[in-house]
C-alpha atoms as a PDB file:
ATOM      1  CA  UNK A   1     120.730  92.822  94.048  1.00  0.00           C
ATOM      2  CA  UNK A   2     120.318  91.406  97.536  1.00  0.00           C
ATOM      3  CA  UNK A   3     120.346  94.919  99.079  1.00  0.00           C
ATOM      4  CA  UNK A   4     117.612  96.009  96.683  1.00  0.00           C
ATOM      5  CA  UNK A   5     115.508  92.974  97.620  1.00  0.00           C
ATOM      6  CA  UNK A   6     115.964  93.673 101.328  1.00  0.00           C
ATOM      7  CA  UNK A   7     115.035  97.339 100.898  1.00  0.00           C
ATOM      8  CA  UNK A   8     111.983  96.350  98.831  1.00  0.00           C
ATOM      9  CA  UNK A   9     110.763  94.079 101.639  1.00  0.00           C
ATOM     10  CA  UNK A  10     111.334  96.821 104.252  1.00  0.00           C
ATOM     11  CA  UNK A  11     109.369  99.341 102.138  1.00  0.00           C
ATOM     12  CA  UNK A  12     106.508  96.847 101.930  1.00  0.00           C
ATOM     13  CA  UNK A  13     106.548  96.466 105.704  1.00  0.00           C
ATOM     14  CA  UNK A  14     106.670 100.146 106.666  1.00  0.00           C
ATOM     15  CA  UNK A  15     104.133 101.518 104.201  1.00  0.00           C
ATOM     16  CA  UNK A  16     104.203 105.312 104.116  1.00  0.00           C
ATOM     17  CA  UNK A  17     106.841 105.742 106.833  1.00  0.00           C
ATOM     18  CA  UNK A  18     110.178 107.298 105.859  1.00  0.00           C
ATOM     19  CA  UNK A  19     112.594 104.557 104.806  1.00  0.00           C
ATOM     20  CA  UNK A  20     115.650 106.655 105.712  1.00  0.00           C
ATOM     21  CA  UNK A  21     114.275 107.450 109.174  1.00  0.00           C
ATOM     22  CA  UNK A  22     113.496 103.791 109.807  1.00  0.00           C
ATOM     23  CA  UNK A  23     116.956 102.603 108.748  1.00  0.00           C
ATOM     24  CA  UNK A  24     118.697 105.341 110.741  1.00  0.00           C
ATOM     25  CA  UNK A  25     116.755 104.547 113.917  1.00  0.00           C
ATOM     26  CA  UNK A  26     117.184 100.773 113.751  1.00  0.00           C
ATOM     27  CA  UNK A  27     120.877 100.810 112.864  1.00  0.00           C
ATOM     28  CA  UNK A  28     121.608 103.847 115.065  1.00  0.00           C
ATOM     29  CA  UNK A  29     123.279 105.719 112.205  1.00  0.00           C
ATOM     30  CA  UNK A  30     122.800 109.237 110.806  1.00  0.00           C
ATOM     31  CA  UNK A  31     120.128 110.143 108.302  1.00  0.00           C
ATOM     32  CA  UNK A  32     122.801 110.751 105.642  1.00  0.00           C
ATOM     33  CA  UNK A  33     124.390 107.353 106.274  1.00  0.00           C
ATOM     34  CA  UNK A  34     120.955 105.735 105.977  1.00  0.00           C
ATOM     35  CA  UNK A  35     120.311 107.606 102.713  1.00  0.00           C
ATOM     36  CA  UNK A  36     123.591 106.348 101.236  1.00  0.00           C
ATOM     37  CA  UNK A  37     122.436 102.797 101.945  1.00  0.00           C
ATOM     38  CA  UNK A  38     118.892 103.232 100.653  1.00  0.00           C
ATOM     39  CA  UNK A  39     120.192 104.902  97.476  1.00  0.00           C
ATOM     40  CA  UNK A  40     122.619 101.960  97.057  1.00  0.00           C
ATOM     41  CA  UNK A  41     125.658 104.244  97.250  1.00  0.00           C
ATOM     42  CA  UNK A  42     126.845 102.247 100.256  1.00  0.00           C
ATOM     43  CA  UNK A  43     126.428  98.578 101.145  1.00  0.00           C
ATOM     44  CA  UNK A  44     124.848  97.205 104.287  1.00  0.00           C
ATOM     45  CA  UNK A  45     127.310  95.284 106.393  1.00  0.00           C
ATOM     46  CA  UNK A  46     126.373  91.669 107.164  1.00  0.00           C
ATOM     47  CA  UNK A  47     125.526  92.694 110.741  1.00  0.00           C
ATOM     48  CA  UNK A  48     123.317  95.555 109.511  1.00  0.00           C
ATOM     49  CA  UNK A  49     121.435  93.339 107.053  1.00  0.00           C
ATOM     50  CA  UNK A  50     120.795  90.686 109.734  1.00  0.00           C
ATOM     51  CA  UNK A  51     119.685  93.357 112.222  1.00  0.00           C
ATOM     52  CA  UNK A  52     117.152  94.745 109.739  1.00  0.00           C
ATOM     53  CA  UNK A  53     115.915  91.276 108.783  1.00  0.00           C
ATOM     54  CA  UNK A  54     115.394  90.363 112.433  1.00  0.00           C
ATOM     55  CA  UNK A  55     113.647  93.639 113.239  1.00  0.00           C
ATOM     56  CA  UNK A  56     111.206  93.397 110.335  1.00  0.00           C
ATOM     57  CA  UNK A  57     110.829  89.607 110.500  1.00  0.00           C
ATOM     58  CA  UNK A  58     112.076  89.242 106.938  1.00  0.00           C
ATOM     59  CA  UNK A  59     112.998  85.751 105.773  1.00  0.00           C
ATOM     60  CA  UNK A  60     116.590  85.414 104.624  1.00  0.00           C
ATOM     61  CA  UNK A  61     115.654  82.443 102.452  1.00  0.00           C
ATOM     62  CA  UNK A  62     115.269  84.644  99.384  1.00  0.00           C
ATOM     63  CA  UNK A  63     118.994  85.448  99.608  1.00  0.00           C
ATOM     64  CA  UNK A  64     119.975  81.770  99.358  1.00  0.00           C
ATOM     65  CA  UNK A  65     120.516  80.470  95.831  1.00  0.00           C
ATOM     66  CA  UNK A  66     119.252  76.899  96.446  1.00  0.00           C
ATOM     67  CA  UNK A  67     115.519  76.304  96.582  1.00  0.00           C
ATOM     68  CA  UNK A  68     116.145  73.301  98.831  1.00  0.00           C
ATOM     69  CA  UNK A  69     117.719  75.284 101.669  1.00  0.00           C
ATOM     70  CA  UNK A  70     115.941  77.270 104.364  1.00  0.00           C
ATOM     71  CA  UNK A  71     117.007  79.637 107.120  1.00  0.00           C
ATOM     72  CA  UNK A  72     114.955  78.813 110.200  1.00  0.00           C
ATOM     73  CA  UNK A  73     114.739  79.793 113.828  1.00  0.00           C
ATOM     74  CA  UNK A  74     114.539  77.460 116.802  1.00  0.00           C
ATOM     75  CA  UNK A  75     112.906  78.173 120.115  1.00  0.00           C
ATOM     76  CA  UNK A  76     114.995  77.821 123.257  1.00  0.00           C
ATOM     77  CA  UNK A  77     115.161  74.399 124.851  1.00  0.00           C
ATOM     78  CA  UNK A  78     113.036  73.674 127.896  1.00  0.00           C
ATOM     79  CA  UNK A  79     114.891  71.367 130.294  1.00  0.00           C
ATOM     80  CA  UNK A  80     113.550  72.427 133.656  1.00  0.00           C
ATOM     81  CA  UNK A  81     110.364  73.984 134.985  1.00  0.00           C
ATOM     82  CA  UNK A  82     111.854  77.470 135.198  1.00  0.00           C
ATOM     83  CA  UNK A  83     112.553  77.391 131.426  1.00  0.00           C
ATOM     84  CA  UNK A  84     108.806  77.435 130.802  1.00  0.00           C
ATOM     85  CA  UNK A  85     108.794  81.141 131.707  1.00  0.00           C
ATOM     86  CA  UNK A  86     110.944  81.852 128.657  1.00  0.00           C
ATOM     87  CA  UNK A  87     108.822  79.524 126.508  1.00  0.00           C
ATOM     88  CA  UNK A  88     105.625  81.395 127.377  1.00  0.00           C
ATOM     89  CA  UNK A  89     107.295  84.787 126.905  1.00  0.00           C
ATOM     90  CA  UNK A  90     108.692  83.693 123.518  1.00  0.00           C
ATOM     91  CA  UNK A  91     105.204  82.665 122.425  1.00  0.00           C
ATOM     92  CA  UNK A  92     103.872  86.045 123.505  1.00  0.00           C
ATOM     93  CA  UNK A  93     106.590  87.752 121.443  1.00  0.00           C
ATOM     94  CA  UNK A  94     105.518  85.725 118.388  1.00  0.00           C
ATOM     95  CA  UNK A  95     102.011  87.170 118.718  1.00  0.00           C
ATOM     96  CA  UNK A  96     103.441  90.658 119.200  1.00  0.00           C
ATOM     97  CA  UNK A  97     105.780  90.406 116.210  1.00  0.00           C
ATOM     98  CA  UNK A  98     103.083  89.183 113.860  1.00  0.00           C
ATOM     99  CA  UNK A  99     100.465  91.602 112.591  1.00  0.00           C
ATOM    100  CA  UNK A 100      97.507  90.570 114.701  1.00  0.00           C
ATOM    101  CA  UNK A 101      94.320  91.670 112.970  1.00  0.00           C
ATOM    102  CA  UNK A 102      91.218  90.262 111.348  1.00  0.00           C
ATOM    103  CA  UNK A 103      93.495  89.201 108.498  1.00  0.00           C
ATOM    104  CA  UNK A 104      95.385  86.799 110.765  1.00  0.00           C
ATOM    105  CA  UNK A 105      94.247  83.158 110.953  1.00  0.00           C
ATOM    106  CA  UNK A 106      95.874  80.528 113.163  1.00  0.00           C
ATOM    107  CA  UNK A 107      95.723  76.917 111.982  1.00  0.00           C
ATOM    108  CA  UNK A 108      96.363  74.212 114.591  1.00  0.00           C
ATOM    109  CA  UNK A 109      96.675  70.507 113.793  1.00  0.00           C
ATOM    110  CA  UNK A 110      95.628  69.166 117.186  1.00  0.00           C
ATOM    111  CA  UNK A 111      97.284  65.812 117.728  1.00  0.00           C
ATOM    112  CA  UNK A 112      96.902  66.759 121.405  1.00  0.00           C
ATOM    113  CA  UNK A 113      94.658  69.385 122.978  1.00  0.00           C
ATOM    114  CA  UNK A 114      96.226  72.731 121.938  1.00  0.00           C
ATOM    115  CA  UNK A 115      98.463  73.777 124.827  1.00  0.00           C
ATOM    116  CA  UNK A 116      96.972  77.288 124.810  1.00  0.00           C
ATOM    117  CA  UNK A 117      93.821  75.878 126.427  1.00  0.00           C
ATOM    118  CA  UNK A 118      95.676  74.387 129.372  1.00  0.00           C
ATOM    119  CA  UNK A 119      97.247  77.703 130.360  1.00  0.00           C
ATOM    120  CA  UNK A 120      95.101  78.488 133.377  1.00  0.00           C
ATOM    121  CA  UNK A 121      94.975  78.406 137.161  1.00  0.00           C
ATOM    122  CA  UNK A 122      93.603  74.883 137.353  1.00  0.00           C
ATOM    123  CA  UNK A 123      94.741  71.476 138.542  1.00  0.00           C
ATOM    124  CA  UNK A 124      94.598  70.390 134.891  1.00  0.00           C
ATOM    125  CA  UNK A 125      97.124  73.076 133.928  1.00  0.00           C
ATOM    126  CA  UNK A 126      99.396  72.167 136.835  1.00  0.00           C
ATOM    127  CA  UNK A 127      99.170  68.472 135.898  1.00  0.00           C
ATOM    128  CA  UNK A 128     100.119  69.183 132.276  1.00  0.00           C
ATOM    129  CA  UNK A 129     103.230  71.078 133.442  1.00  0.00           C
ATOM    130  CA  UNK A 130     104.050  68.162 135.749  1.00  0.00           C
ATOM    131  CA  UNK A 131     103.788  65.711 132.856  1.00  0.00           C
ATOM    132  CA  UNK A 132     105.734  67.932 130.471  1.00  0.00           C
ATOM    133  CA  UNK A 133     108.630  68.305 132.868  1.00  0.00           C
ATOM    134  CA  UNK A 134     108.835  64.583 133.613  1.00  0.00           C
ATOM    135  CA  UNK A 135     108.823  63.804 129.891  1.00  0.00           C
ATOM    136  CA  UNK A 136     111.375  66.468 128.915  1.00  0.00           C
ATOM    137  CA  UNK A 137     113.998  66.028 131.572  1.00  0.00           C
ATOM    138  CA  UNK A 138     115.534  62.573 131.828  1.00  0.00           C
ATOM    139  CA  UNK A 139     117.067  63.560 135.199  1.00  0.00           C
ATOM    140  CA  UNK A 140     113.728  64.649 136.648  1.00  0.00           C
ATOM    141  CA  UNK A 141     113.030  62.823 139.898  1.00  0.00           C
ATOM    142  CA  UNK A 142     109.470  61.530 139.899  1.00  0.00           C
ATOM    143  CA  UNK A 143     107.689  62.984 142.897  1.00  0.00           C
ATOM    144  CA  UNK A 144     104.016  62.694 143.834  1.00  0.00           C
ATOM    145  CA  UNK A 145     101.900  65.195 141.962  1.00  0.00           C
ATOM    146  CA  UNK A 146     100.725  66.829 145.199  1.00  0.00           C
ATOM    147  CA  UNK A 147     104.348  67.728 146.006  1.00  0.00           C
ATOM    148  CA  UNK A 148     104.918  69.380 142.610  1.00  0.00           C
ATOM    149  CA  UNK A 149     104.820  73.179 142.755  1.00  0.00           C
ATOM    150  CA  UNK A 150     105.648  74.974 139.484  1.00  0.00           C
ATOM    151  CA  UNK A 151     106.836  78.594 139.492  1.00  0.00           C
ATOM    152  CA  UNK A 152     104.216  81.338 139.304  1.00  0.00           C
ATOM    153  CA  UNK A 153     103.887  82.461 135.708  1.00  0.00           C
ATOM    154  CA  UNK A 154     100.127  82.865 135.530  1.00  0.00           C
ATOM    155  CA  UNK A 155     100.185  86.469 134.126  1.00  0.00           C
ATOM    156  CA  UNK A 156     102.108  85.280 131.048  1.00  0.00           C
ATOM    157  CA  UNK A 157      99.963  82.175 130.558  1.00  0.00           C
ATOM    158  CA  UNK A 158      96.699  84.079 130.960  1.00  0.00           C
ATOM    159  CA  UNK A 159      97.814  86.703 128.416  1.00  0.00           C
ATOM    160  CA  UNK A 160      98.977  83.994 125.988  1.00  0.00           C
ATOM    161  CA  UNK A 161      95.680  82.112 126.164  1.00  0.00           C
ATOM    162  CA  UNK A 162      93.744  85.403 125.828  1.00  0.00           C
ATOM    163  CA  UNK A 163      95.663  86.370 122.688  1.00  0.00           C
ATOM    164  CA  UNK A 164      95.109  82.946 121.148  1.00  0.00           C
ATOM    165  CA  UNK A 165      91.370  82.919 121.848  1.00  0.00           C
ATOM    166  CA  UNK A 166      90.966  86.412 120.367  1.00  0.00           C
ATOM    167  CA  UNK A 167      92.277  85.371 116.942  1.00  0.00           C
ATOM    168  CA  UNK A 168      90.610  83.752 113.956  1.00  0.00           C
ATOM    169  CA  UNK A 169      91.421  80.134 114.732  1.00  0.00           C
ATOM    170  CA  UNK A 170      91.003  76.949 112.700  1.00  0.00           C
ATOM    171  CA  UNK A 171      91.625  73.732 114.634  1.00  0.00           C
ATOM    172  CA  UNK A 172      91.686  70.190 113.273  1.00  0.00           C
ATOM    173  CA  UNK A 173      90.769  67.501 115.809  1.00  0.00           C
ATOM    174  CA  UNK A 174      89.787  63.862 115.842  1.00  0.00           C
ATOM    175  CA  UNK A 175      88.436  61.589 118.584  1.00  0.00           C
ATOM    176  CA  UNK A 176      92.050  60.770 119.565  1.00  0.00           C
ATOM    177  CA  UNK A 177      93.016  64.347 120.344  1.00  0.00           C
ATOM    178  CA  UNK A 178      92.307  63.889 124.055  1.00  0.00           C
ATOM    179  CA  UNK A 179      93.853  60.412 124.216  1.00  0.00           C
ATOM    180  CA  UNK A 180      97.267  61.570 125.413  1.00  0.00           C
ATOM    181  CA  UNK A 181      95.975  63.507 128.431  1.00  0.00           C
ATOM    182  CA  UNK A 182      93.743  60.565 129.409  1.00  0.00           C
ATOM    183  CA  UNK A 183      96.674  58.163 129.062  1.00  0.00           C
ATOM    184  CA  UNK A 184      98.829  60.459 131.189  1.00  0.00           C
ATOM    185  CA  UNK A 185      96.229  60.582 133.951  1.00  0.00           C
ATOM    186  CA  UNK A 186      95.937  56.776 133.932  1.00  0.00           C
ATOM    187  CA  UNK A 187      99.712  56.302 133.882  1.00  0.00           C
ATOM    188  CA  UNK A 188     100.394  58.516 136.899  1.00  0.00           C
ATOM    189  CA  UNK A 189      97.409  57.062 138.747  1.00  0.00           C
ATOM    190  CA  UNK A 190      98.681  53.506 138.155  1.00  0.00           C
ATOM    191  CA  UNK A 191     102.159  54.484 139.396  1.00  0.00           C
ATOM    192  CA  UNK A 192     100.674  55.946 142.588  1.00  0.00           C
ATOM    193  CA  UNK A 193     101.989  59.435 141.854  1.00  0.00           C
ATOM    194  CA  UNK A 194      98.473  60.755 141.207  1.00  0.00           C
ATOM    195  CA  UNK A 195      95.736  60.113 143.744  1.00  0.00           C
ATOM    196  CA  UNK A 196      92.156  59.240 142.818  1.00  0.00           C
ATOM    197  CA  UNK A 197      90.687  62.499 144.126  1.00  0.00           C
ATOM    198  CA  UNK A 198      93.214  64.608 142.160  1.00  0.00           C
ATOM    199  CA  UNK A 199      92.618  62.529 139.030  1.00  0.00           C
ATOM    200  CA  UNK A 200      88.873  63.012 139.255  1.00  0.00           C
ATOM    201  CA  UNK A 201      89.262  66.783 139.665  1.00  0.00           C
ATOM    202  CA  UNK A 202      91.539  66.888 136.591  1.00  0.00           C
ATOM    203  CA  UNK A 203      88.991  64.879 134.586  1.00  0.00           C
ATOM    204  CA  UNK A 204      86.239  67.251 135.710  1.00  0.00           C
ATOM    205  CA  UNK A 205      88.279  70.259 134.552  1.00  0.00           C
ATOM    206  CA  UNK A 206      89.066  68.466 131.288  1.00  0.00           C
ATOM    207  CA  UNK A 207      85.354  67.919 130.651  1.00  0.00           C
ATOM    208  CA  UNK A 208      84.706  71.598 131.383  1.00  0.00           C
ATOM    209  CA  UNK A 209      87.416  72.554 128.859  1.00  0.00           C
ATOM    210  CA  UNK A 210      85.851  70.338 126.174  1.00  0.00           C
ATOM    211  CA  UNK A 211      82.463  71.911 126.971  1.00  0.00           C
ATOM    212  CA  UNK A 212      84.032  75.353 126.519  1.00  0.00           C
ATOM    213  CA  UNK A 213      85.347  74.330 123.077  1.00  0.00           C
ATOM    214  CA  UNK A 214      81.986  72.844 122.117  1.00  0.00           C
ATOM    215  CA  UNK A 215      80.252  76.059 123.118  1.00  0.00           C
ATOM    216  CA  UNK A 216      82.738  78.030 120.966  1.00  0.00           C
ATOM    217  CA  UNK A 217      81.756  76.022 117.896  1.00  0.00           C
ATOM    218  CA  UNK A 218      78.163  77.173 118.404  1.00  0.00           C
ATOM    219  CA  UNK A 219      78.673  80.818 119.318  1.00  0.00           C
ATOM    220  CA  UNK A 220      82.096  82.133 118.247  1.00  0.00           C
ATOM    221  CA  UNK A 221      82.263  83.082 114.541  1.00  0.00           C
ATOM    222  CA  UNK A 222      86.066  83.465 114.734  1.00  0.00           C
ATOM    223  CA  UNK A 223      86.535  79.844 115.808  1.00  0.00           C
ATOM    224  CA  UNK A 224      86.278  76.906 113.419  1.00  0.00           C
ATOM    225  CA  UNK A 225      86.695  73.282 114.467  1.00  0.00           C
ATOM    226  CA  UNK A 226      87.026  70.422 112.014  1.00  0.00           C
ATOM    227  CA  UNK A 227      86.983  66.684 112.615  1.00  0.00           C
ATOM    228  CA  UNK A 228      89.714  65.068 110.536  1.00  0.00           C
ATOM    229  CA  UNK A 229      89.730  61.278 110.422  1.00  0.00           C
ATOM    230  CA  UNK A 230      91.827  60.931 107.257  1.00  0.00           C
ATOM    231  CA  UNK A 231      95.215  62.557 107.800  1.00  0.00           C
ATOM    232  CA  UNK A 232      97.735  62.368 110.595  1.00  0.00           C
ATOM    233  CA  UNK A 233      97.482  65.309 113.012  1.00  0.00           C
ATOM    234  CA  UNK A 234     100.845  66.653 114.138  1.00  0.00           C
ATOM    235  CA  UNK A 235     100.570  69.697 116.481  1.00  0.00           C
ATOM    236  CA  UNK A 236     101.799  71.969 113.677  1.00  0.00           C
ATOM    237  CA  UNK A 237     100.801  75.625 114.165  1.00  0.00           C
ATOM    238  CA  UNK A 238     100.515  77.973 111.196  1.00  0.00           C
ATOM    239  CA  UNK A 239     100.073  81.714 111.647  1.00  0.00           C
ATOM    240  CA  UNK A 240      98.742  82.967 108.325  1.00  0.00           C
ATOM    241  CA  UNK A 241      98.744  86.618 107.378  1.00  0.00           C
ATOM    242  CA  UNK A 242      98.782  88.085 103.839  1.00  0.00           C
ATOM    243  CA  UNK A 243     101.902  90.124 104.626  1.00  0.00           C
ATOM    244  CA  UNK A 244     103.809  87.862 107.020  1.00  0.00           C
ATOM    245  CA  UNK A 245     103.133  84.210 107.889  1.00  0.00           C
ATOM    246  CA  UNK A 246     104.926  81.883 110.276  1.00  0.00           C
ATOM    247  CA  UNK A 247     104.992  78.078 110.394  1.00  0.00           C
ATOM    248  CA  UNK A 248     105.796  76.501 113.788  1.00  0.00           C
ATOM    249  CA  UNK A 249     106.925  72.916 113.334  1.00  0.00           C
ATOM    250  CA  UNK A 250     107.240  70.836 116.544  1.00  0.00           C
ATOM    251  CA  UNK A 251     110.770  69.688 117.303  1.00  0.00           C
ATOM    252  CA  UNK A 252     109.967  68.216 120.715  1.00  0.00           C
ATOM    253  CA  UNK A 253     107.422  68.703 123.505  1.00  0.00           C
ATOM    254  CA  UNK A 254     108.237  72.402 123.961  1.00  0.00           C
ATOM    255  CA  UNK A 255     110.485  73.090 120.994  1.00  0.00           C
ATOM    256  CA  UNK A 256     109.476  74.550 117.661  1.00  0.00           C
ATOM    257  CA  UNK A 257     111.279  75.189 114.403  1.00  0.00           C
ATOM    258  CA  UNK A 258     110.020  78.577 113.145  1.00  0.00           C
ATOM    259  CA  UNK A 259     109.843  79.106 109.389  1.00  0.00           C
ATOM    260  CA  UNK A 260     108.728  82.332 107.700  1.00  0.00           C
ATOM    261  CA  UNK A 261     109.858  81.473 104.171  1.00  0.00           C
ATOM    262  CA  UNK A 262     107.173  82.717 101.751  1.00  0.00           C
ATOM    263  CA  UNK A 263     107.094  79.596  99.565  1.00  0.00           C
ATOM    264  CA  UNK A 264     107.054  77.199 102.517  1.00  0.00           C
ATOM    265  CA  UNK A 265     104.245  79.174 104.180  1.00  0.00           C
ATOM    266  CA  UNK A 266     102.250  79.146 100.938  1.00  0.00           C
ATOM    267  CA  UNK A 267     102.682  75.364 100.708  1.00  0.00           C
ATOM    268  CA  UNK A 268     101.685  74.979 104.350  1.00  0.00           C
ATOM    269  CA  UNK A 269      98.498  76.975 103.824  1.00  0.00           C
ATOM    270  CA  UNK A 270      97.618  74.804 100.845  1.00  0.00           C
ATOM    271  CA  UNK A 271      98.237  71.692 102.926  1.00  0.00           C
ATOM    272  CA  UNK A 272      95.950  72.878 105.719  1.00  0.00           C
ATOM    273  CA  UNK A 273      93.264  73.790 103.193  1.00  0.00           C
ATOM    274  CA  UNK A 274      93.549  70.304 101.709  1.00  0.00           C
ATOM    275  CA  UNK A 275      93.099  68.761 105.163  1.00  0.00           C
ATOM    276  CA  UNK A 276      90.056  70.959 105.772  1.00  0.00           C
ATOM    277  CA  UNK A 277      88.510  69.743 102.514  1.00  0.00           C
ATOM    278  CA  UNK A 278      88.769  66.206 103.882  1.00  0.00           C
ATOM    279  CA  UNK A 279      87.319  67.157 107.253  1.00  0.00           C
ATOM    280  CA  UNK A 280      83.867  67.730 108.749  1.00  0.00           C
ATOM    281  CA  UNK A 281      83.049  71.168 110.148  1.00  0.00           C
ATOM    282  CA  UNK A 282      81.695  71.085 113.687  1.00  0.00           C
ATOM    283  CA  UNK A 283      80.402  74.650 113.210  1.00  0.00           C
ATOM    284  CA  UNK A 284      78.161  73.971 110.231  1.00  0.00           C
ATOM    285  CA  UNK A 285      77.455  70.224 110.174  1.00  0.00           C
ATOM    286  CA  UNK A 286      74.472  70.427 112.534  1.00  0.00           C
ATOM    287  CA  UNK A 287      73.694  69.518 116.125  1.00  0.00           C
ATOM    288  CA  UNK A 288      73.591  65.771 115.572  1.00  0.00           C
ATOM    289  CA  UNK A 289      77.122  65.458 114.147  1.00  0.00           C
ATOM    290  CA  UNK A 290      78.508  67.940 116.680  1.00  0.00           C
ATOM    291  CA  UNK A 291      76.958  66.029 119.603  1.00  0.00           C
ATOM    292  CA  UNK A 292      78.271  62.708 118.303  1.00  0.00           C
ATOM    293  CA  UNK A 293      81.789  64.164 118.032  1.00  0.00           C
ATOM    294  CA  UNK A 294      81.889  65.731 121.503  1.00  0.00           C
ATOM    295  CA  UNK A 295      79.996  62.893 123.211  1.00  0.00           C
ATOM    296  CA  UNK A 296      82.755  60.497 122.133  1.00  0.00           C
ATOM    297  CA  UNK A 297      85.187  62.589 124.160  1.00  0.00           C
ATOM    298  CA  UNK A 298      82.825  62.971 127.125  1.00  0.00           C
ATOM    299  CA  UNK A 299      82.414  59.199 127.132  1.00  0.00           C
ATOM    300  CA  UNK A 300      86.173  58.635 127.143  1.00  0.00           C
ATOM    301  CA  UNK A 301      86.483  60.978 130.113  1.00  0.00           C
ATOM    302  CA  UNK A 302      83.647  59.245 131.963  1.00  0.00           C
ATOM    303  CA  UNK A 303      85.070  55.791 131.267  1.00  0.00           C
ATOM    304  CA  UNK A 304      88.404  56.761 132.809  1.00  0.00           C
ATOM    305  CA  UNK A 305      86.670  58.480 135.728  1.00  0.00           C
ATOM    306  CA  UNK A 306      84.812  55.284 136.494  1.00  0.00           C
ATOM    307  CA  UNK A 307      87.954  53.147 136.300  1.00  0.00           C
ATOM    308  CA  UNK A 308      89.979  55.211 138.798  1.00  0.00           C
END
């Protein structure tokens, strides 16, 4: 029964391609050996079944008898700055493994500014990496921000941001979404690790980023921003596609639990839709409401700029 279910999912994924050819190529076996498996005359080994499930991004949850158990993936831990290279590459692979098309929609519950936006060659981006590494690694020696020099991984970060901004994206924000970055700037300024001039440049770049997002709400039909003042935002990311969805649940600052279980993804989509129903669209609510929403953030930035 399980082999039939797995083969059914593979057939759904490959469309009109030859099932026997696909199985033979992936498992590196002969066409006849593949045919024996697809005709159910031979069983997949455990290793073969896992290999096929990994290749086609098929959830193994359907092969577990309990509805309360899930098979999930976990991203690699980030403990030092060099680990970020793998984190960015893993995120790129998620985009590549999912069927990116007009049918894909990314939902982002923005407790903080979505990290995709801070992947750039700016002082703001460098500061975020500085903060992340000090928060993640208990053994990190606090050094002045000017002395911090992260590895060069701009090609990966630029490609990751580009892929994100090309998708249909739904983001849920509130007026506290930028609070953490403002608090981080103030904290490192108060400790003397961030100088006034650097802090003001970061705030200027932050304002430019918010202006970019505001402009997207007015001109980009693939981008939808909602103000949610009712529910707790959590930095959850949900990649929805009719054929294959993925739910990324934060485990820590740079760690995600990845879930592609069909039922869980369906429930997650319903949850996001419920949040949207209790939110105000910044794309359609009119200039007045949009200006009020963004001006609150501009004012927070200006208040901190004046206090440095």
